[in-house]
Full PDB file with SEQRES, HELIX, SHEET, SSBOND, CRYST1, ORIGX, SCALE, CONECT and MASTER records, all heavy atoms in Angstrom:
SEQRES   1 A   32  GLY TRP PHE ARG GLN ALA PRO GLY LYS GLU ARG GLU PHE          
SEQRES   2 A   32  VAL ALA GLY ILE SER GLN THR GLY THR ASN THR TYR TYR          
SEQRES   3 A   32  GLN ASN SER VAL ASN GLY                                      
SHEET    1 AA1 3 TRP A   2  ARG A   4  0                                        
SHEET    2 AA1 3 GLU A  12  ILE A  17 -1                                        
SHEET    3 AA1 3 THR A  24  TYR A  26 -1                                        
CRYST1    1.000    1.000    1.000  90.00  90.00  90.00 P 1           1          
ORIGX1      1.000000  0.000000  0.000000        0.00000                         
ORIGX2      0.000000  1.000000  0.000000        0.00000                         
ORIGX3      0.000000  0.000000  1.000000        0.00000                         
SCALE1      1.000000  0.000000  0.000000        0.00000                         
SCALE2      0.000000  1.000000  0.000000        0.00000                         
SCALE3      0.000000  0.000000  1.000000        0.00000                         
ATOM      1  N   GLY A   1     141.581 121.868 111.331  1.00  0.00           N  
ATOM      2  CA  GLY A   1     140.921 120.851 111.959  1.00  0.00           C  
ATOM      3  C   GLY A   1     141.316 120.648 113.406  1.00  0.00           C  
ATOM      4  O   GLY A   1     142.379 121.132 113.851  1.00  0.00           O  
ATOM      5  N   TRP A   2     140.382 120.115 114.100  1.00  0.00           N  
ATOM      6  CA  TRP A   2     140.751 119.638 115.567  1.00  0.00           C  
ATOM      7  C   TRP A   2     140.530 118.076 115.559  1.00  0.00           C  
ATOM      8  O   TRP A   2     139.562 117.592 115.073  1.00  0.00           O  
ATOM      9  CB  TRP A   2     139.746 120.270 116.530  1.00  0.00           C  
ATOM     10  CG  TRP A   2     140.099 121.656 116.837  1.00  0.00           C  
ATOM     11  CD1 TRP A   2     139.363 122.814 116.322  1.00  0.00           C  
ATOM     12  CD2 TRP A   2     140.986 122.202 117.833  1.00  0.00           C  
ATOM     13  NE1 TRP A   2     139.953 123.954 116.941  1.00  0.00           N  
ATOM     14  CE2 TRP A   2     140.898 123.574 117.875  1.00  0.00           C  
ATOM     15  CE3 TRP A   2     141.906 121.660 118.703  1.00  0.00           C  
ATOM     16  CZ2 TRP A   2     141.716 124.416 118.588  1.00  0.00           C  
ATOM     17  CZ3 TRP A   2     142.671 122.406 119.479  1.00  0.00           C  
ATOM     18  CH2 TRP A   2     142.541 123.808 119.436  1.00  0.00           C  
ATOM     19  N   PHE A   3     141.593 117.544 116.182  1.00  0.00           N  
ATOM     20  CA  PHE A   3     141.539 116.087 116.389  1.00  0.00           C  
ATOM     21  C   PHE A   3     141.837 115.775 117.896  1.00  0.00           C  
ATOM     22  O   PHE A   3     142.202 116.648 118.630  1.00  0.00           O  
ATOM     23  CB  PHE A   3     142.649 115.320 115.534  1.00  0.00           C  
ATOM     24  CG  PHE A   3     142.401 115.486 114.045  1.00  0.00           C  
ATOM     25  CD1 PHE A   3     142.618 116.588 113.395  1.00  0.00           C  
ATOM     26  CD2 PHE A   3     141.995 114.289 113.383  1.00  0.00           C  
ATOM     27  CE1 PHE A   3     142.340 116.602 111.988  1.00  0.00           C  
ATOM     28  CE2 PHE A   3     141.682 114.287 112.030  1.00  0.00           C  
ATOM     29  CZ  PHE A   3     141.930 115.422 111.316  1.00  0.00           C  
ATOM     30  N   ARG A   4     141.471 114.555 118.285  1.00  0.00           N  
ATOM     31  CA  ARG A   4     141.756 114.209 119.634  1.00  0.00           C  
ATOM     32  C   ARG A   4     142.216 112.764 119.766  1.00  0.00           C  
ATOM     33  O   ARG A   4     141.850 111.971 118.932  1.00  0.00           O  
ATOM     34  CB  ARG A   4     140.638 114.420 120.587  1.00  0.00           C  
ATOM     35  CG  ARG A   4     139.403 113.505 120.277  1.00  0.00           C  
ATOM     36  CD  ARG A   4     138.126 113.868 121.123  1.00  0.00           C  
ATOM     37  NE  ARG A   4     136.954 112.951 120.901  1.00  0.00           N  
ATOM     38  CZ  ARG A   4     135.762 113.266 121.431  1.00  0.00           C  
ATOM     39  NH1 ARG A   4     135.545 114.341 122.163  1.00  0.00           N  
ATOM     40  NH2 ARG A   4     134.765 112.390 121.088  1.00  0.00           N  
ATOM     41  N   GLN A   5     142.947 112.473 120.744  1.00  0.00           N  
ATOM     42  CA  GLN A   5     143.416 111.190 121.028  1.00  0.00           C  
ATOM     43  C   GLN A   5     143.414 110.755 122.544  1.00  0.00           C  
ATOM     44  O   GLN A   5     144.023 111.477 123.335  1.00  0.00           O  
ATOM     45  CB  GLN A   5     144.850 110.945 120.617  1.00  0.00           C  
ATOM     46  CG  GLN A   5     145.437 109.499 120.577  1.00  0.00           C  
ATOM     47  CD  GLN A   5     146.710 109.356 119.786  1.00  0.00           C  
ATOM     48  OE1 GLN A   5     147.406 110.306 119.507  1.00  0.00           O  
ATOM     49  NE2 GLN A   5     146.990 108.132 119.379  1.00  0.00           N  
ATOM     50  N   ALA A   6     142.606 109.867 122.808  1.00  0.00           N  
ATOM     51  CA  ALA A   6     142.406 109.337 124.206  1.00  0.00           C  
ATOM     52  C   ALA A   6     143.419 108.179 124.449  1.00  0.00           C  
ATOM     53  O   ALA A   6     143.868 107.511 123.492  1.00  0.00           O  
ATOM     54  CB  ALA A   6     140.997 108.820 124.420  1.00  0.00           C  
ATOM     55  N   PRO A   7     143.787 107.927 125.649  1.00  0.00           N  
ATOM     56  CA  PRO A   7     144.766 106.874 125.911  1.00  0.00           C  
ATOM     57  C   PRO A   7     144.316 105.541 125.382  1.00  0.00           C  
ATOM     58  O   PRO A   7     143.129 105.081 125.597  1.00  0.00           O  
ATOM     59  CB  PRO A   7     144.769 106.872 127.454  1.00  0.00           C  
ATOM     60  CG  PRO A   7     144.362 108.167 127.918  1.00  0.00           C  
ATOM     61  CD  PRO A   7     143.319 108.691 126.964  1.00  0.00           C  
ATOM     62  N   GLY A   8     145.257 104.895 124.731  1.00  0.00           N  
ATOM     63  CA  GLY A   8     144.978 103.567 124.066  1.00  0.00           C  
ATOM     64  C   GLY A   8     144.056 103.642 122.838  1.00  0.00           C  
ATOM     65  O   GLY A   8     143.651 102.461 122.320  1.00  0.00           O  
ATOM     66  N   LYS A   9     143.737 104.802 122.277  1.00  0.00           N  
ATOM     67  CA  LYS A   9     142.944 104.871 121.146  1.00  0.00           C  
ATOM     68  C   LYS A   9     143.587 105.666 120.026  1.00  0.00           C  
ATOM     69  O   LYS A   9     144.601 106.377 120.337  1.00  0.00           O  
ATOM     70  CB  LYS A   9     141.615 105.651 121.543  1.00  0.00           C  
ATOM     71  CG  LYS A   9     140.743 104.812 122.549  1.00  0.00           C  
ATOM     72  CD  LYS A   9     139.423 105.540 122.614  1.00  0.00           C  
ATOM     73  CE  LYS A   9     138.429 104.652 123.601  1.00  0.00           C  
ATOM     74  NZ  LYS A   9     137.163 105.330 123.666  1.00  0.00           N  
ATOM     75  N   GLU A  10     143.115 105.482 118.849  1.00  0.00           N  
ATOM     76  CA  GLU A  10     143.707 106.215 117.664  1.00  0.00           C  
ATOM     77  C   GLU A  10     143.225 107.624 117.668  1.00  0.00           C  
ATOM     78  O   GLU A  10     142.120 108.009 118.267  1.00  0.00           O  
ATOM     79  CB  GLU A  10     143.279 105.539 116.406  1.00  0.00           C  
ATOM     80  CG  GLU A  10     143.859 104.115 116.256  1.00  0.00           C  
ATOM     81  CD  GLU A  10     143.614 103.548 114.907  1.00  0.00           C  
ATOM     82  OE1 GLU A  10     142.890 104.120 114.101  1.00  0.00           O  
ATOM     83  OE2 GLU A  10     144.120 102.460 114.600  1.00  0.00           O  
ATOM     84  N   ARG A  11     144.023 108.403 117.103  1.00  0.00           N  
ATOM     85  CA  ARG A  11     143.645 109.868 116.909  1.00  0.00           C  
ATOM     86  C   ARG A  11     142.370 109.936 116.014  1.00  0.00           C  
ATOM     87  O   ARG A  11     142.212 109.255 115.033  1.00  0.00           O  
ATOM     88  CB  ARG A  11     144.754 110.658 116.318  1.00  0.00           C  
ATOM     89  CG  ARG A  11     144.537 112.119 116.245  1.00  0.00           C  
ATOM     90  CD  ARG A  11     145.798 112.900 115.779  1.00  0.00           C  
ATOM     91  NE  ARG A  11     146.842 112.564 116.779  1.00  0.00           N  
ATOM     92  CZ  ARG A  11     148.074 113.265 116.593  1.00  0.00           C  
ATOM     93  NH1 ARG A  11     148.239 114.178 115.589  1.00  0.00           N  
ATOM     94  NH2 ARG A  11     149.013 113.004 117.368  1.00  0.00           N  
ATOM     95  N   GLU A  12     141.356 110.726 116.467  1.00  0.00           N  
ATOM     96  CA  GLU A  12     140.211 110.901 115.716  1.00  0.00           C  
ATOM     97  C   GLU A  12     139.760 112.270 115.343  1.00  0.00           C  
ATOM     98  O   GLU A  12     140.114 113.226 116.107  1.00  0.00           O  
ATOM     99  CB  GLU A  12     139.027 110.209 116.557  1.00  0.00           C  
ATOM    100  CG  GLU A  12     138.631 110.875 117.768  1.00  0.00           C  
ATOM    101  CD  GLU A  12     137.489 110.256 118.473  1.00  0.00           C  
ATOM    102  OE1 GLU A  12     136.809 109.252 117.942  1.00  0.00           O  
ATOM    103  OE2 GLU A  12     136.994 110.670 119.566  1.00  0.00           O  
ATOM    104  N   PHE A  13     139.046 112.421 114.275  1.00  0.00           N  
ATOM    105  CA  PHE A  13     138.696 113.755 113.841  1.00  0.00           C  
ATOM    106  C   PHE A  13     137.491 114.282 114.764  1.00  0.00           C  
ATOM    107  O   PHE A  13     136.680 113.488 115.178  1.00  0.00           O  
ATOM    108  CB  PHE A  13     138.090 113.688 112.445  1.00  0.00           C  
ATOM    109  CG  PHE A  13     137.445 114.999 111.975  1.00  0.00           C  
ATOM    110  CD1 PHE A  13     138.114 116.047 111.461  1.00  0.00           C  
ATOM    111  CD2 PHE A  13     136.001 114.993 111.922  1.00  0.00           C  
ATOM    112  CE1 PHE A  13     137.481 117.120 111.045  1.00  0.00           C  
ATOM    113  CE2 PHE A  13     135.323 116.099 111.502  1.00  0.00           C  
ATOM    114  CZ  PHE A  13     136.062 117.220 111.053  1.00  0.00           C  
ATOM    115  N   VAL A  14     137.639 115.602 115.189  1.00  0.00           N  
ATOM    116  CA  VAL A  14     136.595 116.205 115.973  1.00  0.00           C  
ATOM    117  C   VAL A  14     135.757 117.231 115.198  1.00  0.00           C  
ATOM    118  O   VAL A  14     134.515 117.139 115.091  1.00  0.00           O  
ATOM    119  CB  VAL A  14     137.246 116.815 117.273  1.00  0.00           C  
ATOM    120  CG1 VAL A  14     136.095 117.578 118.003  1.00  0.00           C  
ATOM    121  CG2 VAL A  14     137.942 115.822 118.112  1.00  0.00           C  
ATOM    122  N   ALA A  15     136.407 118.142 114.558  1.00  0.00           N  
ATOM    123  CA  ALA A  15     135.823 119.217 113.863  1.00  0.00           C  
ATOM    124  C   ALA A  15     136.711 119.804 112.807  1.00  0.00           C  
ATOM    125  O   ALA A  15     137.974 119.803 113.035  1.00  0.00           O  
ATOM    126  CB  ALA A  15     135.278 120.301 114.782  1.00  0.00           C  
ATOM    127  N   GLY A  16     136.207 120.327 111.800  1.00  0.00           N  
ATOM    128  CA  GLY A  16     136.979 121.016 110.775  1.00  0.00           C  
ATOM    129  C   GLY A  16     136.310 122.273 110.193  1.00  0.00           C  
ATOM    130  O   GLY A  16     135.112 122.442 110.315  1.00  0.00           O  
ATOM    131  N   ILE A  17     137.110 123.157 109.681  1.00  0.00           N  
ATOM    132  CA  ILE A  17     136.516 124.318 109.124  1.00  0.00           C  
ATOM    133  C   ILE A  17     137.290 124.831 107.957  1.00  0.00           C  
ATOM    134  O   ILE A  17     138.563 124.651 107.733  1.00  0.00           O  
ATOM    135  CB  ILE A  17     136.635 125.494 110.271  1.00  0.00           C  
ATOM    136  CG1 ILE A  17     135.880 126.727 109.820  1.00  0.00           C  
ATOM    137  CG2 ILE A  17     138.029 125.795 110.631  1.00  0.00           C  
ATOM    138  CD1 ILE A  17     135.719 127.761 110.971  1.00  0.00           C  
ATOM    139  N   SER A  18     136.516 125.396 106.911  1.00  0.00           N  
ATOM    140  CA  SER A  18     137.197 125.792 105.713  1.00  0.00           C  
ATOM    141  C   SER A  18     137.976 127.087 105.940  1.00  0.00           C  
ATOM    142  O   SER A  18     137.841 127.724 106.963  1.00  0.00           O  
ATOM    143  CB  SER A  18     136.118 125.945 104.579  1.00  0.00           C  
ATOM    144  OG  SER A  18     135.124 126.928 105.008  1.00  0.00           O  
ATOM    145  N   GLN A  19     138.573 127.606 104.865  1.00  0.00           N  
ATOM    146  CA  GLN A  19     139.577 128.674 104.917  1.00  0.00           C  
ATOM    147  C   GLN A  19     138.877 129.927 105.404  1.00  0.00           C  
ATOM    148  O   GLN A  19     139.389 130.635 106.248  1.00  0.00           O  
ATOM    149  CB  GLN A  19     140.139 128.972 103.594  1.00  0.00           C  
ATOM    150  CG  GLN A  19     141.123 127.859 103.168  1.00  0.00           C  
ATOM    151  CD  GLN A  19     141.739 128.133 101.719  1.00  0.00           C  
ATOM    152  OE1 GLN A  19     141.469 129.167 101.183  1.00  0.00           O  
ATOM    153  NE2 GLN A  19     142.351 127.138 101.133  1.00  0.00           N  
ATOM    154  N   THR A  20     137.674 130.137 104.984  1.00  0.00           N  
ATOM    155  CA  THR A  20     136.973 131.418 105.420  1.00  0.00           C  
ATOM    156  C   THR A  20     135.962 131.197 106.512  1.00  0.00           C  
ATOM    157  O   THR A  20     135.404 132.239 106.997  1.00  0.00           O  
ATOM    158  CB  THR A  20     136.283 132.070 104.133  1.00  0.00           C  
ATOM    159  OG1 THR A  20     135.326 131.165 103.674  1.00  0.00           O  
ATOM    160  CG2 THR A  20     137.233 132.459 103.117  1.00  0.00           C  
ATOM    161  N   GLY A  21     135.872 130.005 106.917  1.00  0.00           N  
ATOM    162  CA  GLY A  21     134.867 129.656 107.999  1.00  0.00           C  
ATOM    163  C   GLY A  21     133.527 129.436 107.503  1.00  0.00           C  
ATOM    164  O   GLY A  21     132.580 129.190 108.206  1.00  0.00           O  
ATOM    165  N   THR A  22     133.264 129.403 106.085  1.00  0.00           N  
ATOM    166  CA  THR A  22     132.036 129.168 105.476  1.00  0.00           C  
ATOM    167  C   THR A  22     131.510 127.847 105.813  1.00  0.00           C  
ATOM    168  O   THR A  22     130.295 127.668 106.085  1.00  0.00           O  
ATOM    169  CB  THR A  22     132.088 129.328 103.916  1.00  0.00           C  
ATOM    170  OG1 THR A  22     132.597 130.735 103.665  1.00  0.00           O  
ATOM    171  CG2 THR A  22     130.762 129.142 103.372  1.00  0.00           C  
ATOM    172  N   ASN A  23     132.326 126.798 105.703  1.00  0.00           N  
ATOM    173  CA  ASN A  23     131.921 125.486 105.993  1.00  0.00           C  
ATOM    174  C   ASN A  23     132.594 124.911 107.217  1.00  0.00           C  
ATOM    175  O   ASN A  23     133.676 125.125 107.486  1.00  0.00           O  
ATOM    176  CB  ASN A  23     132.273 124.624 104.754  1.00  0.00           C  
ATOM    177  CG  ASN A  23     131.397 125.044 103.530  1.00  0.00           C  
ATOM    178  OD1 ASN A  23     130.261 125.398 103.674  1.00  0.00           O  
ATOM    179  ND2 ASN A  23     132.018 124.898 102.347  1.00  0.00           N  
ATOM    180  N   THR A  24     131.763 124.092 107.938  1.00  0.00           N  
ATOM    181  CA  THR A  24     132.254 123.401 109.081  1.00  0.00           C  
ATOM    182  C   THR A  24     131.738 121.951 109.061  1.00  0.00           C  
ATOM    183  O   THR A  24     130.691 121.636 108.391  1.00  0.00           O  
ATOM    184  CB  THR A  24     131.910 124.051 110.422  1.00  0.00           C  
ATOM    185  OG1 THR A  24     130.489 124.111 110.531  1.00  0.00           O  
ATOM    186  CG2 THR A  24     132.483 125.403 110.574  1.00  0.00           C  
ATOM    187  N   TYR A  25     132.429 121.107 109.830  1.00  0.00           N  
ATOM    188  CA  TYR A  25     131.961 119.701 109.757  1.00  0.00           C  
ATOM    189  C   TYR A  25     132.332 119.120 111.147  1.00  0.00           C  
ATOM    190  O   TYR A  25     133.515 119.445 111.748  1.00  0.00           O  
ATOM    191  CB  TYR A  25     132.516 118.877 108.658  1.00  0.00           C  
ATOM    192  CG  TYR A  25     131.912 117.512 108.504  1.00  0.00           C  
ATOM    193  CD1 TYR A  25     130.750 117.386 107.818  1.00  0.00           C  
ATOM    194  CD2 TYR A  25     132.595 116.338 109.008  1.00  0.00           C  
ATOM    195  CE1 TYR A  25     130.093 116.025 107.715  1.00  0.00           C  
ATOM    196  CE2 TYR A  25     131.965 115.093 108.902  1.00  0.00           C  
ATOM    197  CZ  TYR A  25     130.852 114.977 108.217  1.00  0.00           C  
ATOM    198  OH  TYR A  25     130.285 113.677 108.142  1.00  0.00           O  
ATOM    199  N   TYR A  26     131.452 118.178 111.716  1.00  0.00           N  
ATOM    200  CA  TYR A  26     131.755 117.701 113.034  1.00  0.00           C  
ATOM    201  C   TYR A  26     131.598 116.232 113.125  1.00  0.00           C  
ATOM    202  O   TYR A  26     130.767 115.611 112.415  1.00  0.00           O  
ATOM    203  CB  TYR A  26     130.766 118.335 114.041  1.00  0.00           C  
ATOM    204  CG  TYR A  26     130.848 119.740 114.188  1.00  0.00           C  
ATOM    205  CD1 TYR A  26     130.087 120.585 113.364  1.00  0.00           C  
ATOM    206  CD2 TYR A  26     131.719 120.441 115.129  1.00  0.00           C  
ATOM    207  CE1 TYR A  26     130.128 121.992 113.572  1.00  0.00           C  
ATOM    208  CE2 TYR A  26     131.849 121.761 115.291  1.00  0.00           C  
ATOM    209  CZ  TYR A  26     131.066 122.571 114.413  1.00  0.00           C  
ATOM    210  OH  TYR A  26     131.146 123.860 114.561  1.00  0.00           O  
ATOM    211  N   GLN A  27     132.367 115.545 114.015  1.00  0.00           N  
ATOM    212  CA  GLN A  27     132.206 114.097 114.264  1.00  0.00           C  
ATOM    213  C   GLN A  27     130.798 114.044 114.900  1.00  0.00           C  
ATOM    214  O   GLN A  27     130.348 114.921 115.758  1.00  0.00           O  
ATOM    215  CB  GLN A  27     133.285 113.659 115.230  1.00  0.00           C  
ATOM    216  CG  GLN A  27     133.203 112.201 115.667  1.00  0.00           C  
ATOM    217  CD  GLN A  27     133.948 111.950 116.936  1.00  0.00           C  
ATOM    218  OE1 GLN A  27     133.227 111.740 117.949  1.00  0.00           O  
ATOM    219  NE2 GLN A  27     135.144 111.903 116.887  1.00  0.00           N  
ATOM    220  N   ASN A  28     130.039 112.940 114.579  1.00  0.00           N  
ATOM    221  CA  ASN A  28     128.690 112.752 115.129  1.00  0.00           C  
ATOM    222  C   ASN A  28     128.611 112.947 116.663  1.00  0.00           C  
ATOM    223  O   ASN A  28     127.636 113.588 117.168  1.00  0.00           O  
ATOM    224  CB  ASN A  28     128.176 111.477 114.812  1.00  0.00           C  
ATOM    225  CG  ASN A  28     127.782 111.353 113.272  1.00  0.00           C  
ATOM    226  OD1 ASN A  28     127.560 112.310 112.654  1.00  0.00           O  
ATOM    227  ND2 ASN A  28     127.620 110.141 112.743  1.00  0.00           N  
ATOM    228  N   SER A  29     129.591 112.401 117.340  1.00  0.00           N  
ATOM    229  CA  SER A  29     129.474 112.489 118.824  1.00  0.00           C  
ATOM    230  C   SER A  29     129.601 113.816 119.483  1.00  0.00           C  
ATOM    231  O   SER A  29     129.246 113.999 120.649  1.00  0.00           O  
ATOM    232  CB  SER A  29     130.513 111.525 119.497  1.00  0.00           C  
ATOM    233  OG  SER A  29     131.883 112.085 119.275  1.00  0.00           O  
ATOM    234  N   VAL A  30     130.082 114.784 118.747  1.00  0.00           N  
ATOM    235  CA  VAL A  30     130.260 116.113 119.343  1.00  0.00           C  
ATOM    236  C   VAL A  30     129.281 117.099 118.627  1.00  0.00           C  
ATOM    237  O   VAL A  30     129.183 118.337 119.085  1.00  0.00           O  
ATOM    238  CB  VAL A  30     131.686 116.717 119.199  1.00  0.00           C  
ATOM    239  CG1 VAL A  30     132.726 115.614 119.689  1.00  0.00           C  
ATOM    240  CG2 VAL A  30     132.036 117.046 117.668  1.00  0.00           C  
ATOM    241  N   ASN A  31     128.634 116.667 117.529  1.00  0.00           N  
ATOM    242  CA  ASN A  31     127.715 117.648 116.843  1.00  0.00           C  
ATOM    243  C   ASN A  31     126.606 118.190 117.828  1.00  0.00           C  
ATOM    244  O   ASN A  31     125.916 117.417 118.482  1.00  0.00           O  
ATOM    245  CB  ASN A  31     127.128 116.832 115.682  1.00  0.00           C  
ATOM    246  CG  ASN A  31     126.618 117.867 114.654  1.00  0.00           C  
ATOM    247  OD1 ASN A  31     126.883 119.023 114.623  1.00  0.00           O  
ATOM    248  ND2 ASN A  31     125.767 117.288 113.724  1.00  0.00           N  
ATOM    249  N   GLY A  32     126.444 119.399 117.780  1.00  0.00           N  
ATOM    250  CA  GLY A  32     125.480 120.072 118.743  1.00  0.00           C  
ATOM    251  C   GLY A  32     126.155 120.555 120.055  1.00  0.00           C  
ATOM    252  O   GLY A  32     125.487 121.283 120.729  1.00  0.00           O  
TER     253      GLY A  32                                                      
MASTER        0    0    0    0    3    0    0    6  252    1    0    3          
END                                                                             
């Protein structure tokens, strides 16, 4: 998974990928 943390904010999920890459999932704000 990829996460990010901006100053003064909590760490948030950005994107994730399964072991073989078959499945991925994105935070709404970065989707697309």
